[in-house]
Amino acid sequence: MEYLEEYLLPTIFDLIGRHYSDREEVPDYRSEKEGIEKLLGVFQGARQDTFYATVLEKAVYILLQINKGHFFSNGNKRLSLICAIGFLGLNNIDFKQGISKENYRKHFSEFFPSPFEFEDYPDFSSEEFALYNLSIFIADSTKYGVAFEELKKGVQQFVERMVMPPKSL
C-alpha cells in the first residue's frame, strides 16, 4: 500500500491553489507549521492497520481527520478532499464513471437524510461535485445532528459507492 508522505505537500498545496483559488482564498499552508505537523500526524495515523485495515478505511480516516481537525486557518475541507483523492489515486482506486450529479444527490440523501444545500460549479465533474459537498457536510455535520460514528459510517458507505472495487494485485 502507498501512503501520503511529506515530500508530496508542495504538490498538494500547489494543486489546491491552482484548482480552488478562483472560488475562494487559498491559505498559505506552508507558513502554518503547527498545521503541517498535525497533517503529517494524520498521514502517519493512516498507516495504522489495526484501526484502518483497507485503503478505503484509510481514505475515510484522512478525509475526516483533516476536515474535522481544522489544522489550518482556512482550506481544511479542500485539503482533506485533495489528500483523500490523492491517497486513493496512489493506491490505484478509480472513481466509477458515468454517475451523474443527480445520482450523487440521491446517494448522499441515502446516507445523510438531513436537509442539505448542495453547492455546484459549472466546471465540477460529478465526482468533484460529490466530494466537495461531502466535505462541506463533514465540516458541518454537528449542525445536522450527525454523531461522529454515524458520520464515519455514512462517509465510508458513500465513498464505497463512488469508487471501483480495488484492483487485485
N, C-alpha and C. Protein backbone atom coordinates (compact mmCIF):
# COMPACT_ATOMS: atom_id res chain seq x y z
N MET A 1 0.85 -1.18 0.00
CA MET A 1 0.00 0.00 0.00
C MET A 1 0.89 1.24 0.00
N GLU A 2 0.48 2.24 -0.76
CA GLU A 2 1.22 3.51 -0.83
C GLU A 2 0.59 4.51 0.13
N TYR A 3 1.42 5.40 0.68
CA TYR A 3 0.94 6.38 1.66
C TYR A 3 1.33 7.79 1.26
N LEU A 4 0.58 8.74 1.77
CA LEU A 4 0.93 10.14 1.59
C LEU A 4 2.16 10.42 2.43
N GLU A 5 3.09 11.18 1.87
CA GLU A 5 4.36 11.48 2.53
C GLU A 5 4.59 12.99 2.52
N GLU A 6 5.48 13.44 3.38
CA GLU A 6 5.78 14.86 3.50
C GLU A 6 6.25 15.47 2.18
N TYR A 7 7.02 14.73 1.40
CA TYR A 7 7.53 15.28 0.15
C TYR A 7 6.40 15.64 -0.84
N LEU A 8 5.19 15.12 -0.63
CA LEU A 8 4.06 15.42 -1.51
C LEU A 8 3.35 16.73 -1.15
N LEU A 9 3.66 17.30 0.01
CA LEU A 9 2.95 18.51 0.46
C LEU A 9 3.02 19.66 -0.55
N PRO A 10 4.19 20.01 -1.11
CA PRO A 10 4.19 21.12 -2.08
C PRO A 10 3.26 20.86 -3.26
N THR A 11 3.22 19.64 -3.75
CA THR A 11 2.33 19.30 -4.86
C THR A 11 0.87 19.44 -4.45
N ILE A 12 0.54 18.95 -3.26
CA ILE A 12 -0.83 19.05 -2.75
C ILE A 12 -1.23 20.52 -2.62
N PHE A 13 -0.38 21.32 -2.00
CA PHE A 13 -0.70 22.74 -1.79
C PHE A 13 -0.82 23.48 -3.11
N ASP A 14 0.06 23.19 -4.06
CA ASP A 14 0.00 23.83 -5.38
C ASP A 14 -1.27 23.45 -6.12
N LEU A 15 -1.64 22.20 -6.03
CA LEU A 15 -2.87 21.74 -6.69
C LEU A 15 -4.10 22.47 -6.14
N ILE A 16 -4.16 22.61 -4.84
CA ILE A 16 -5.28 23.34 -4.23
C ILE A 16 -5.28 24.79 -4.71
N GLY A 17 -4.11 25.41 -4.74
CA GLY A 17 -4.02 26.78 -5.21
C GLY A 17 -4.48 26.95 -6.64
N ARG A 18 -4.05 26.08 -7.51
CA ARG A 18 -4.43 26.16 -8.92
C ARG A 18 -5.92 25.89 -9.13
N HIS A 19 -6.43 24.94 -8.39
CA HIS A 19 -7.80 24.49 -8.65
C HIS A 19 -8.88 25.30 -7.93
N TYR A 20 -8.58 25.84 -6.77
CA TYR A 20 -9.62 26.47 -5.96
C TYR A 20 -9.47 27.98 -5.77
N SER A 21 -8.34 28.55 -6.17
CA SER A 21 -8.12 29.97 -5.87
C SER A 21 -9.10 30.90 -6.58
N ASP A 22 -9.70 30.45 -7.68
CA ASP A 22 -10.68 31.32 -8.36
C ASP A 22 -12.03 31.33 -7.64
N ARG A 23 -12.24 30.40 -6.71
CA ARG A 23 -13.50 30.32 -5.96
C ARG A 23 -13.40 30.96 -4.59
N GLU A 24 -12.29 30.67 -3.91
CA GLU A 24 -12.10 31.11 -2.54
C GLU A 24 -10.62 31.39 -2.31
N GLU A 25 -10.35 32.18 -1.30
CA GLU A 25 -8.97 32.43 -0.94
C GLU A 25 -8.33 31.13 -0.47
N VAL A 26 -7.13 30.88 -0.92
CA VAL A 26 -6.38 29.70 -0.52
C VAL A 26 -5.31 30.14 0.47
N PRO A 27 -5.27 29.52 1.63
CA PRO A 27 -4.28 29.93 2.63
C PRO A 27 -2.86 29.55 2.21
N ASP A 28 -1.91 30.17 2.86
CA ASP A 28 -0.51 29.79 2.67
C ASP A 28 -0.22 28.67 3.66
N TYR A 29 -0.58 27.46 3.27
CA TYR A 29 -0.41 26.31 4.16
C TYR A 29 1.02 26.20 4.67
N ARG A 30 1.97 26.49 3.80
CA ARG A 30 3.38 26.30 4.14
C ARG A 30 3.81 27.13 5.34
N SER A 31 3.14 28.25 5.58
CA SER A 31 3.54 29.14 6.68
C SER A 31 2.96 28.70 8.02
N GLU A 32 2.06 27.73 8.01
CA GLU A 32 1.41 27.29 9.25
C GLU A 32 2.05 25.97 9.71
N LYS A 33 3.18 26.11 10.38
CA LYS A 33 3.99 24.95 10.76
C LYS A 33 3.26 23.97 11.67
N GLU A 34 2.47 24.47 12.62
CA GLU A 34 1.73 23.59 13.52
C GLU A 34 0.71 22.76 12.73
N GLY A 35 0.07 23.40 11.76
CA GLY A 35 -0.89 22.69 10.92
C GLY A 35 -0.21 21.60 10.11
N ILE A 36 0.98 21.89 9.60
CA ILE A 36 1.71 20.89 8.82
C ILE A 36 2.07 19.70 9.70
N GLU A 37 2.49 19.95 10.92
CA GLU A 37 2.83 18.84 11.84
C GLU A 37 1.60 17.97 12.11
N LYS A 38 0.45 18.60 12.31
CA LYS A 38 -0.78 17.83 12.55
C LYS A 38 -1.19 17.05 11.30
N LEU A 39 -1.02 17.66 10.15
CA LEU A 39 -1.32 16.98 8.89
C LEU A 39 -0.43 15.76 8.72
N LEU A 40 0.84 15.90 9.00
CA LEU A 40 1.77 14.77 8.90
C LEU A 40 1.40 13.68 9.91
N GLY A 41 0.83 14.08 11.06
CA GLY A 41 0.34 13.11 12.04
C GLY A 41 -0.81 12.27 11.47
N VAL A 42 -1.67 12.90 10.69
CA VAL A 42 -2.75 12.17 10.03
C VAL A 42 -2.17 11.19 9.01
N PHE A 43 -1.21 11.65 8.25
CA PHE A 43 -0.56 10.76 7.27
C PHE A 43 0.00 9.52 7.99
N GLN A 44 0.63 9.76 9.14
CA GLN A 44 1.20 8.66 9.92
C GLN A 44 0.08 7.77 10.49
N GLY A 45 -1.00 8.38 10.97
CA GLY A 45 -2.11 7.62 11.53
C GLY A 45 -2.76 6.70 10.52
N ALA A 46 -2.74 7.10 9.26
CA ALA A 46 -3.34 6.27 8.21
C ALA A 46 -2.60 4.95 8.04
N ARG A 47 -1.42 4.87 8.55
CA ARG A 47 -0.63 3.64 8.45
C ARG A 47 -1.10 2.58 9.46
N GLN A 48 -1.95 2.96 10.39
CA GLN A 48 -2.42 2.04 11.44
C GLN A 48 -3.34 0.98 10.85
N ASP A 49 -2.82 -0.21 10.68
CA ASP A 49 -3.62 -1.30 10.11
C ASP A 49 -4.62 -1.86 11.12
N THR A 50 -4.37 -1.67 12.40
CA THR A 50 -5.28 -2.18 13.42
C THR A 50 -6.64 -1.50 13.32
N PHE A 51 -6.65 -0.19 13.11
CA PHE A 51 -7.89 0.56 13.07
C PHE A 51 -8.40 0.79 11.65
N TYR A 52 -7.50 0.91 10.70
CA TYR A 52 -7.85 1.22 9.32
C TYR A 52 -7.18 0.19 8.42
N ALA A 53 -7.86 -0.93 8.21
CA ALA A 53 -7.23 -2.06 7.52
C ALA A 53 -7.22 -1.92 6.00
N THR A 54 -8.24 -1.27 5.45
CA THR A 54 -8.35 -1.20 3.99
C THR A 54 -7.99 0.18 3.46
N VAL A 55 -7.75 0.24 2.17
CA VAL A 55 -7.46 1.53 1.53
C VAL A 55 -8.62 2.50 1.75
N LEU A 56 -9.84 2.02 1.59
CA LEU A 56 -11.00 2.91 1.75
C LEU A 56 -11.15 3.39 3.19
N GLU A 57 -10.92 2.53 4.16
CA GLU A 57 -10.97 2.96 5.56
C GLU A 57 -9.92 4.04 5.84
N LYS A 58 -8.76 3.87 5.26
CA LYS A 58 -7.69 4.85 5.44
C LYS A 58 -8.05 6.17 4.75
N ALA A 59 -8.64 6.10 3.57
CA ALA A 59 -9.05 7.32 2.86
C ALA A 59 -10.11 8.08 3.65
N VAL A 60 -11.05 7.36 4.23
CA VAL A 60 -12.10 7.99 5.05
C VAL A 60 -11.47 8.61 6.29
N TYR A 61 -10.54 7.92 6.91
CA TYR A 61 -9.82 8.47 8.06
C TYR A 61 -9.14 9.79 7.69
N ILE A 62 -8.44 9.81 6.57
CA ILE A 62 -7.76 11.01 6.11
C ILE A 62 -8.76 12.14 5.89
N LEU A 63 -9.83 11.83 5.19
CA LEU A 63 -10.86 12.83 4.88
C LEU A 63 -11.46 13.42 6.17
N LEU A 64 -11.83 12.56 7.10
CA LEU A 64 -12.47 13.03 8.34
C LEU A 64 -11.50 13.77 9.25
N GLN A 65 -10.32 13.23 9.44
CA GLN A 65 -9.38 13.83 10.40
C GLN A 65 -8.90 15.21 9.96
N ILE A 66 -8.59 15.36 8.69
CA ILE A 66 -8.13 16.67 8.22
C ILE A 66 -9.28 17.66 8.23
N ASN A 67 -10.44 17.24 7.78
CA ASN A 67 -11.61 18.11 7.73
C ASN A 67 -12.01 18.56 9.12
N LYS A 68 -12.19 17.63 10.03
CA LYS A 68 -12.67 17.94 11.38
C LYS A 68 -11.57 18.53 12.26
N GLY A 69 -10.30 18.28 11.90
CA GLY A 69 -9.19 18.73 12.73
C GLY A 69 -8.92 20.22 12.69
N HIS A 70 -9.33 20.88 11.62
CA HIS A 70 -9.10 22.33 11.47
C HIS A 70 -7.65 22.69 11.78
N PHE A 71 -6.73 22.04 11.10
CA PHE A 71 -5.30 22.25 11.34
C PHE A 71 -4.80 23.59 10.83
N PHE A 72 -5.50 24.15 9.84
CA PHE A 72 -5.05 25.38 9.21
C PHE A 72 -6.11 26.47 9.37
N SER A 73 -5.70 27.71 9.18
CA SER A 73 -6.61 28.84 9.37
C SER A 73 -7.77 28.82 8.38
N ASN A 74 -7.60 28.17 7.24
CA ASN A 74 -8.63 28.09 6.21
C ASN A 74 -8.24 26.94 5.28
N GLY A 75 -9.18 26.47 4.49
CA GLY A 75 -8.88 25.50 3.46
C GLY A 75 -8.80 24.06 3.92
N ASN A 76 -9.30 23.75 5.11
CA ASN A 76 -9.21 22.39 5.62
C ASN A 76 -10.08 21.41 4.83
N LYS A 77 -11.26 21.84 4.41
CA LYS A 77 -12.14 20.95 3.62
C LYS A 77 -11.49 20.62 2.28
N ARG A 78 -10.97 21.62 1.62
CA ARG A 78 -10.31 21.39 0.33
C ARG A 78 -9.09 20.49 0.49
N LEU A 79 -8.33 20.75 1.54
CA LEU A 79 -7.14 19.94 1.80
C LEU A 79 -7.52 18.48 2.07
N SER A 80 -8.58 18.27 2.85
CA SER A 80 -8.99 16.90 3.15
C SER A 80 -9.41 16.18 1.88
N LEU A 81 -10.10 16.88 1.00
CA LEU A 81 -10.53 16.29 -0.28
C LEU A 81 -9.34 15.87 -1.13
N ILE A 82 -8.43 16.79 -1.33
CA ILE A 82 -7.28 16.53 -2.20
C ILE A 82 -6.42 15.40 -1.62
N CYS A 83 -6.24 15.38 -0.31
CA CYS A 83 -5.44 14.32 0.31
C CYS A 83 -6.13 12.96 0.17
N ALA A 84 -7.43 12.90 0.40
CA ALA A 84 -8.14 11.62 0.28
C ALA A 84 -8.13 11.13 -1.16
N ILE A 85 -8.40 12.03 -2.11
CA ILE A 85 -8.37 11.65 -3.52
C ILE A 85 -6.96 11.21 -3.92
N GLY A 86 -5.96 11.95 -3.47
CA GLY A 86 -4.58 11.59 -3.78
C GLY A 86 -4.20 10.23 -3.21
N PHE A 87 -4.63 9.96 -1.99
CA PHE A 87 -4.35 8.66 -1.38
C PHE A 87 -4.99 7.53 -2.18
N LEU A 88 -6.25 7.73 -2.56
CA LEU A 88 -6.91 6.71 -3.39
C LEU A 88 -6.16 6.51 -4.71
N GLY A 89 -5.75 7.61 -5.33
CA GLY A 89 -5.01 7.53 -6.58
C GLY A 89 -3.69 6.81 -6.43
N LEU A 90 -2.97 7.10 -5.35
CA LEU A 90 -1.70 6.40 -5.11
C LEU A 90 -1.89 4.90 -5.04
N ASN A 91 -3.08 4.50 -4.62
CA ASN A 91 -3.37 3.08 -4.43
C ASN A 91 -4.25 2.50 -5.55
N ASN A 92 -4.25 3.20 -6.69
CA ASN A 92 -4.93 2.73 -7.90
C ASN A 92 -6.42 2.46 -7.70
N ILE A 93 -7.06 3.28 -6.90
CA ILE A 93 -8.51 3.21 -6.72
C ILE A 93 -9.11 4.29 -7.61
N ASP A 94 -9.92 3.87 -8.55
CA ASP A 94 -10.53 4.79 -9.51
C ASP A 94 -11.99 5.04 -9.16
N PHE A 95 -12.47 6.22 -9.53
CA PHE A 95 -13.88 6.55 -9.35
C PHE A 95 -14.68 5.92 -10.47
N LYS A 96 -15.89 5.49 -10.13
CA LYS A 96 -16.79 4.96 -11.15
C LYS A 96 -17.11 6.07 -12.12
N GLN A 97 -17.23 5.72 -13.38
CA GLN A 97 -17.56 6.70 -14.41
C GLN A 97 -19.07 6.68 -14.67
N GLY A 98 -19.61 7.81 -15.08
CA GLY A 98 -20.98 7.86 -15.53
C GLY A 98 -22.03 8.09 -14.46
N ILE A 99 -21.62 8.35 -13.22
CA ILE A 99 -22.61 8.66 -12.19
C ILE A 99 -22.88 10.16 -12.27
N SER A 100 -24.12 10.53 -12.46
CA SER A 100 -24.47 11.94 -12.63
C SER A 100 -24.51 12.66 -11.27
N LYS A 101 -24.47 13.97 -11.34
CA LYS A 101 -24.60 14.77 -10.13
C LYS A 101 -25.92 14.47 -9.43
N GLU A 102 -26.97 14.29 -10.22
CA GLU A 102 -28.29 13.99 -9.64
C GLU A 102 -28.26 12.65 -8.90
N ASN A 103 -27.60 11.67 -9.46
CA ASN A 103 -27.49 10.38 -8.77
C ASN A 103 -26.66 10.50 -7.49
N TYR A 104 -25.62 11.33 -7.53
CA TYR A 104 -24.85 11.56 -6.30
C TYR A 104 -25.71 12.23 -5.24
N ARG A 105 -26.57 13.14 -5.63
CA ARG A 105 -27.50 13.76 -4.68
C ARG A 105 -28.37 12.69 -4.01
N LYS A 106 -28.87 11.77 -4.82
CA LYS A 106 -29.71 10.68 -4.29
C LYS A 106 -28.90 9.79 -3.34
N HIS A 107 -27.69 9.41 -3.75
CA HIS A 107 -26.84 8.59 -2.88
C HIS A 107 -26.58 9.31 -1.56
N PHE A 108 -26.29 10.58 -1.66
CA PHE A 108 -26.00 11.40 -0.49
C PHE A 108 -27.18 11.35 0.48
N SER A 109 -28.38 11.50 -0.05
CA SER A 109 -29.59 11.50 0.78
C SER A 109 -29.83 10.14 1.44
N GLU A 110 -29.37 9.09 0.83
CA GLU A 110 -29.49 7.75 1.45
C GLU A 110 -28.67 7.66 2.73
N PHE A 111 -27.49 8.22 2.70
CA PHE A 111 -26.57 8.10 3.83
C PHE A 111 -26.69 9.24 4.84
N PHE A 112 -27.15 10.39 4.39
CA PHE A 112 -27.26 11.57 5.24
C PHE A 112 -28.63 12.21 5.01
N PRO A 113 -29.66 11.70 5.68
CA PRO A 113 -31.03 12.16 5.39
C PRO A 113 -31.37 13.57 5.85
N SER A 114 -30.43 14.30 6.35
CA SER A 114 -30.69 15.69 6.77
C SER A 114 -30.85 16.60 5.57
N PRO A 115 -31.61 17.67 5.72
CA PRO A 115 -31.70 18.64 4.61
C PRO A 115 -30.33 19.29 4.40
N PHE A 116 -29.90 19.33 3.17
CA PHE A 116 -28.57 19.85 2.86
C PHE A 116 -28.64 20.64 1.57
N GLU A 117 -28.05 21.83 1.57
CA GLU A 117 -27.97 22.71 0.39
C GLU A 117 -26.71 22.37 -0.37
N PHE A 118 -26.83 21.79 -1.54
CA PHE A 118 -25.67 21.42 -2.35
C PHE A 118 -25.08 22.64 -3.03
N GLU A 119 -23.75 22.64 -3.13
CA GLU A 119 -23.04 23.67 -3.88
C GLU A 119 -22.52 23.04 -5.16
N ASP A 120 -22.57 23.82 -6.24
CA ASP A 120 -22.10 23.31 -7.52
C ASP A 120 -21.43 24.43 -8.30
N TYR A 121 -20.48 24.06 -9.13
CA TYR A 121 -19.81 24.98 -10.02
C TYR A 121 -19.83 24.37 -11.42
N PRO A 122 -19.93 25.20 -12.45
CA PRO A 122 -20.04 24.67 -13.81
C PRO A 122 -18.91 23.73 -14.22
N ASP A 123 -17.71 23.95 -13.69
CA ASP A 123 -16.59 23.12 -14.10
C ASP A 123 -16.41 21.87 -13.24
N PHE A 124 -17.30 21.65 -12.27
CA PHE A 124 -17.20 20.46 -11.42
C PHE A 124 -17.59 19.21 -12.20
N SER A 125 -16.76 18.21 -12.12
CA SER A 125 -17.16 16.88 -12.60
C SER A 125 -18.16 16.33 -11.59
N SER A 126 -18.81 15.26 -11.93
CA SER A 126 -19.75 14.64 -10.99
C SER A 126 -19.05 14.21 -9.70
N GLU A 127 -17.86 13.63 -9.84
CA GLU A 127 -17.11 13.17 -8.66
C GLU A 127 -16.69 14.35 -7.79
N GLU A 128 -16.25 15.40 -8.43
CA GLU A 128 -15.83 16.58 -7.68
C GLU A 128 -17.02 17.19 -6.95
N PHE A 129 -18.16 17.26 -7.62
CA PHE A 129 -19.39 17.74 -7.00
C PHE A 129 -19.71 16.92 -5.76
N ALA A 130 -19.65 15.60 -5.89
CA ALA A 130 -19.99 14.72 -4.77
C ALA A 130 -19.02 14.90 -3.61
N LEU A 131 -17.74 14.90 -3.90
CA LEU A 131 -16.74 15.00 -2.84
C LEU A 131 -16.71 16.39 -2.20
N TYR A 132 -16.89 17.41 -2.98
CA TYR A 132 -16.91 18.77 -2.44
C TYR A 132 -18.07 18.91 -1.45
N ASN A 133 -19.24 18.44 -1.84
CA ASN A 133 -20.40 18.54 -0.96
C ASN A 133 -20.28 17.61 0.24
N LEU A 134 -19.68 16.45 0.05
CA LEU A 134 -19.42 15.57 1.18
C LEU A 134 -18.52 16.25 2.18
N SER A 135 -17.51 16.93 1.69
CA SER A 135 -16.58 17.63 2.57
C SER A 135 -17.27 18.75 3.35
N ILE A 136 -18.15 19.47 2.70
CA ILE A 136 -18.91 20.52 3.39
C ILE A 136 -19.79 19.89 4.47
N PHE A 137 -20.45 18.80 4.13
CA PHE A 137 -21.32 18.13 5.10
C PHE A 137 -20.51 17.64 6.31
N ILE A 138 -19.35 17.06 6.06
CA ILE A 138 -18.50 16.58 7.16
C ILE A 138 -18.18 17.74 8.11
N ALA A 139 -17.76 18.86 7.55
CA ALA A 139 -17.40 20.01 8.38
C ALA A 139 -18.57 20.50 9.22
N ASP A 140 -19.77 20.43 8.66
CA ASP A 140 -20.97 20.96 9.33
C ASP A 140 -21.84 19.87 9.94
N SER A 141 -21.34 18.65 10.07
CA SER A 141 -22.17 17.51 10.48
C SER A 141 -22.88 17.70 11.81
N THR A 142 -22.25 18.38 12.76
CA THR A 142 -22.92 18.59 14.05
C THR A 142 -24.14 19.49 13.90
N LYS A 143 -24.08 20.41 12.95
CA LYS A 143 -25.22 21.28 12.67
C LYS A 143 -26.42 20.47 12.20
N TYR A 144 -26.16 19.34 11.56
CA TYR A 144 -27.22 18.47 11.06
C TYR A 144 -27.56 17.35 12.04
N GLY A 145 -26.96 17.38 13.22
CA GLY A 145 -27.27 16.39 14.25
C GLY A 145 -26.71 15.01 13.99
N VAL A 146 -25.59 14.93 13.28
CA VAL A 146 -24.99 13.64 12.95
C VAL A 146 -23.80 13.40 13.90
N ALA A 147 -23.89 12.32 14.67
CA ALA A 147 -22.81 11.94 15.58
C ALA A 147 -21.63 11.42 14.77
N PHE A 148 -20.43 11.47 15.36
CA PHE A 148 -19.22 11.13 14.62
C PHE A 148 -19.24 9.70 14.07
N GLU A 149 -19.65 8.72 14.88
CA GLU A 149 -19.66 7.34 14.39
C GLU A 149 -20.63 7.15 13.24
N GLU A 150 -21.77 7.80 13.32
CA GLU A 150 -22.75 7.76 12.22
C GLU A 150 -22.17 8.43 10.98
N LEU A 151 -21.49 9.55 11.18
CA LEU A 151 -20.84 10.26 10.08
C LEU A 151 -19.79 9.37 9.41
N LYS A 152 -18.96 8.77 10.23
CA LYS A 152 -17.89 7.90 9.72
C LYS A 152 -18.48 6.76 8.88
N LYS A 153 -19.52 6.13 9.38
CA LYS A 153 -20.16 5.02 8.66
C LYS A 153 -20.75 5.52 7.33
N GLY A 154 -21.44 6.65 7.37
CA GLY A 154 -22.04 7.20 6.15
C GLY A 154 -21.00 7.59 5.12
N VAL A 155 -19.92 8.22 5.56
CA VAL A 155 -18.85 8.61 4.64
C VAL A 155 -18.23 7.36 4.01
N GLN A 156 -17.99 6.34 4.82
CA GLN A 156 -17.43 5.08 4.31
C GLN A 156 -18.33 4.50 3.22
N GLN A 157 -19.62 4.43 3.49
CA GLN A 157 -20.56 3.86 2.52
C GLN A 157 -20.67 4.72 1.26
N PHE A 158 -20.65 6.03 1.44
CA PHE A 158 -20.73 6.94 0.30
C PHE A 158 -19.50 6.78 -0.59
N VAL A 159 -18.33 6.74 0.01
CA VAL A 159 -17.09 6.60 -0.77
C VAL A 159 -17.07 5.23 -1.45
N GLU A 160 -17.50 4.19 -0.76
CA GLU A 160 -17.56 2.87 -1.39
C GLU A 160 -18.46 2.89 -2.62
N ARG A 161 -19.52 3.65 -2.59
CA ARG A 161 -20.44 3.75 -3.72
C ARG A 161 -19.79 4.50 -4.88
N MET A 162 -18.83 5.36 -4.59
CA MET A 162 -18.21 6.21 -5.61
C MET A 162 -17.08 5.54 -6.39
N VAL A 163 -16.44 4.54 -5.78
CA VAL A 163 -15.21 4.02 -6.38
C VAL A 163 -15.40 2.62 -6.94
N MET A 164 -14.49 2.29 -7.83
CA MET A 164 -14.44 0.94 -8.39
C MET A 164 -13.87 0.02 -7.32
N PRO A 165 -14.22 -1.25 -7.33
CA PRO A 165 -13.59 -2.18 -6.39
C PRO A 165 -12.08 -2.14 -6.56
N PRO A 166 -11.34 -2.24 -5.47
CA PRO A 166 -9.88 -2.24 -5.59
C PRO A 166 -9.40 -3.34 -6.53
N LYS A 167 -8.39 -3.00 -7.33
CA LYS A 167 -7.81 -3.96 -8.25
C LYS A 167 -6.97 -4.96 -7.46
N SER A 168 -7.12 -6.21 -7.75
CA SER A 168 -6.30 -7.21 -7.06
C SER A 168 -4.90 -7.20 -7.65
N LEU A 169 -3.95 -7.49 -6.81
CA LEU A 169 -2.54 -7.46 -7.23
C LEU A 169 -2.11 -8.77 -7.83
